[in-house]
Amino acid sequence: MRTLRALATRSSSEMWVAVSSQKIVGYAATLFRSNSSSARIYGLCVASAARGQGIGRALLLKAEKGASLRGCQSIRLEVRADNPAALALYGAAHYTPLRDLAGYYADGCDGIRLQKKLSHSKQQGRKP
């Protein structure tokens, strides 16, 4: 929670939250590096009770739009290899595998780095 709180206040990140019945049911956090044409989704999570309602897709679109508005040409993320729901979400959104990450997570689970080329980023320009 401390990391998310810190990210919410940094100019090099953006965070979106999904709220239902006055409760946070999901979030997406994106990181930006100066002089980089690629953004990184640091985290995207939807509460189990709120899954299947399009919240993850909506948060993913917000992250992509935010990256595009900052002039990024691509967006990347890492996902657990044993998370079929997330892999389906990213596949449907046209993310492609960049590389496998053996033992990437603390519990030893493999990860996969995915990337998506962003459209219209050159026309949108960077945020001031």
Protein backbone atom coordinates (compact mmCIF):
# COMPACT_ATOMS: atom_id res chain seq x y z
CA MET A 1 0.00 0.00 0.00
CA ARG A 2 2.89 2.35 0.76
CA THR A 3 4.25 1.92 -2.78
CA LEU A 4 0.89 2.75 -4.35
CA ARG A 5 0.54 5.83 -2.15
CA ALA A 6 4.00 7.00 -3.25
CA LEU A 7 3.21 6.38 -6.92
CA ALA A 8 0.04 8.44 -6.67
CA THR A 9 2.07 11.54 -5.83
CA ARG A 10 4.91 11.25 -8.37
CA SER A 11 4.93 13.22 -11.63
CA SER A 12 6.57 10.21 -13.30
CA SER A 13 3.50 8.03 -12.73
CA GLU A 14 -0.23 8.02 -13.22
CA MET A 15 -2.79 6.05 -11.29
CA TRP A 16 -6.43 5.29 -11.95
CA VAL A 17 -8.91 3.69 -9.58
CA ALA A 18 -12.24 2.04 -10.24
CA VAL A 19 -14.92 2.61 -7.61
CA SER A 20 -18.19 0.75 -7.12
CA SER A 21 -20.58 1.30 -4.20
CA GLN A 22 -18.05 3.71 -2.67
CA LYS A 23 -15.36 1.01 -2.58
CA ILE A 24 -12.19 0.78 -4.62
CA VAL A 25 -12.55 -2.32 -6.81
CA GLY A 26 -9.51 -1.89 -9.04
CA TYR A 27 -6.52 0.21 -9.94
CA ALA A 28 -3.92 0.70 -12.65
CA ALA A 29 -0.57 2.38 -12.13
CA THR A 30 1.71 3.42 -14.99
CA LEU A 31 5.33 4.58 -14.78
CA PHE A 32 7.09 6.95 -17.17
CA ARG A 33 10.81 7.56 -17.59
CA SER A 34 12.14 10.78 -19.03
CA ASN A 35 13.59 10.39 -22.51
CA SER A 36 11.87 7.02 -22.98
CA SER A 37 9.31 6.31 -25.66
CA SER A 38 7.87 3.41 -23.67
CA ALA A 39 5.63 3.46 -20.59
CA ARG A 40 5.35 0.61 -18.08
CA ILE A 41 2.22 -0.61 -16.40
CA TYR A 42 3.48 -1.18 -12.87
CA GLY A 43 0.28 -2.80 -11.68
CA LEU A 44 -3.27 -3.52 -12.75
CA CYS A 45 -5.59 -5.25 -10.33
CA VAL A 46 -9.32 -5.84 -10.03
CA ALA A 47 -10.95 -7.21 -6.89
CA SER A 48 -12.10 -10.79 -7.38
CA ALA A 49 -15.75 -9.90 -6.67
CA ALA A 50 -15.66 -7.22 -9.41
CA ARG A 51 -14.06 -9.31 -12.17
CA GLY A 52 -15.86 -10.00 -15.42
CA GLN A 53 -17.47 -6.54 -15.55
CA GLY A 54 -15.00 -4.85 -17.93
CA ILE A 55 -13.17 -2.98 -15.18
CA GLY A 56 -9.76 -4.39 -16.09
CA ARG A 57 -10.26 -3.48 -19.75
CA ALA A 58 -11.37 0.05 -18.81
CA LEU A 59 -8.33 0.54 -16.56
CA LEU A 60 -6.03 -0.81 -19.28
CA LEU A 61 -7.50 1.68 -21.78
CA LYS A 62 -6.93 4.54 -19.31
CA ALA A 63 -3.30 3.50 -18.89
CA GLU A 64 -2.80 3.29 -22.66
CA LYS A 65 -4.44 6.67 -23.27
CA GLY A 66 -2.33 8.28 -20.54
CA ALA A 67 0.84 6.87 -22.09
CA SER A 68 -0.22 8.02 -25.55
CA LEU A 69 -0.94 11.54 -24.28
CA ARG A 70 2.57 11.66 -22.84
CA GLY A 71 3.96 10.84 -26.28
CA CYS A 72 4.87 7.22 -25.60
CA GLN A 73 5.04 4.96 -28.63
CA SER A 74 4.63 1.71 -26.69
CA ILE A 75 3.56 0.37 -23.34
CA ARG A 76 4.95 -2.67 -21.50
CA LEU A 77 4.07 -4.82 -18.54
CA GLU A 78 4.94 -8.07 -16.84
CA VAL A 79 2.34 -10.72 -16.09
CA ARG A 80 2.43 -14.02 -14.27
CA ALA A 81 2.61 -16.95 -16.66
CA ASP A 82 -0.01 -18.76 -14.52
CA ASN A 83 -2.65 -15.99 -14.82
CA PRO A 84 -4.90 -17.02 -17.73
CA ALA A 85 -7.45 -14.23 -17.13
CA ALA A 86 -4.79 -11.51 -17.35
CA LEU A 87 -3.16 -13.16 -20.36
CA ALA A 88 -6.56 -13.24 -22.10
CA LEU A 89 -7.17 -9.56 -21.29
CA TYR A 90 -3.79 -8.48 -22.66
CA GLY A 91 -4.08 -10.75 -25.70
CA ALA A 92 -7.49 -9.29 -26.57
CA ALA A 93 -5.94 -5.82 -26.24
CA HIS A 94 -3.20 -6.76 -28.76
CA TYR A 95 -0.24 -7.04 -26.39
CA THR A 96 2.51 -9.27 -27.76
CA PRO A 97 5.15 -11.23 -25.84
CA LEU A 98 8.63 -9.71 -25.73
CA ARG A 99 10.33 -12.30 -23.55
CA ASP A 100 9.80 -15.01 -20.98
CA LEU A 101 11.00 -14.23 -17.45
CA ALA A 102 12.02 -17.42 -15.67
CA GLY A 103 11.44 -17.27 -11.90
CA TYR A 104 10.48 -13.58 -12.14
CA TYR A 105 8.14 -13.45 -9.15
CA ALA A 106 9.10 -13.84 -5.48
CA ASP A 107 7.36 -17.22 -5.26
CA GLY A 108 9.38 -18.50 -8.23
CA CYS A 109 6.56 -18.23 -10.76
CA ASP A 110 7.60 -17.38 -14.31
CA GLY A 111 6.55 -14.11 -15.87
CA ILE A 112 6.07 -12.82 -19.38
CA ARG A 113 6.96 -9.32 -20.55
CA LEU A 114 4.37 -8.00 -22.98
CA GLN A 115 4.31 -4.89 -25.16
CA LYS A 116 1.82 -2.98 -27.23
CA LYS A 117 2.55 -0.34 -29.84
CA LEU A 118 0.41 2.72 -29.22
CA SER A 119 -1.36 4.44 -32.08
CA HIS A 120 -1.69 8.18 -32.52
CA SER A 121 1.04 8.93 -29.96
CA LYS A 122 2.92 11.22 -32.32
CA GLN A 123 -0.17 13.29 -33.08
CA GLN A 124 -1.16 13.63 -29.43
CA GLY A 125 2.12 15.13 -28.23
CA ARG A 126 3.49 15.25 -24.72
CA LYS A 127 1.80 16.64 -21.66
CA PRO A 128 3.32 19.92 -20.45
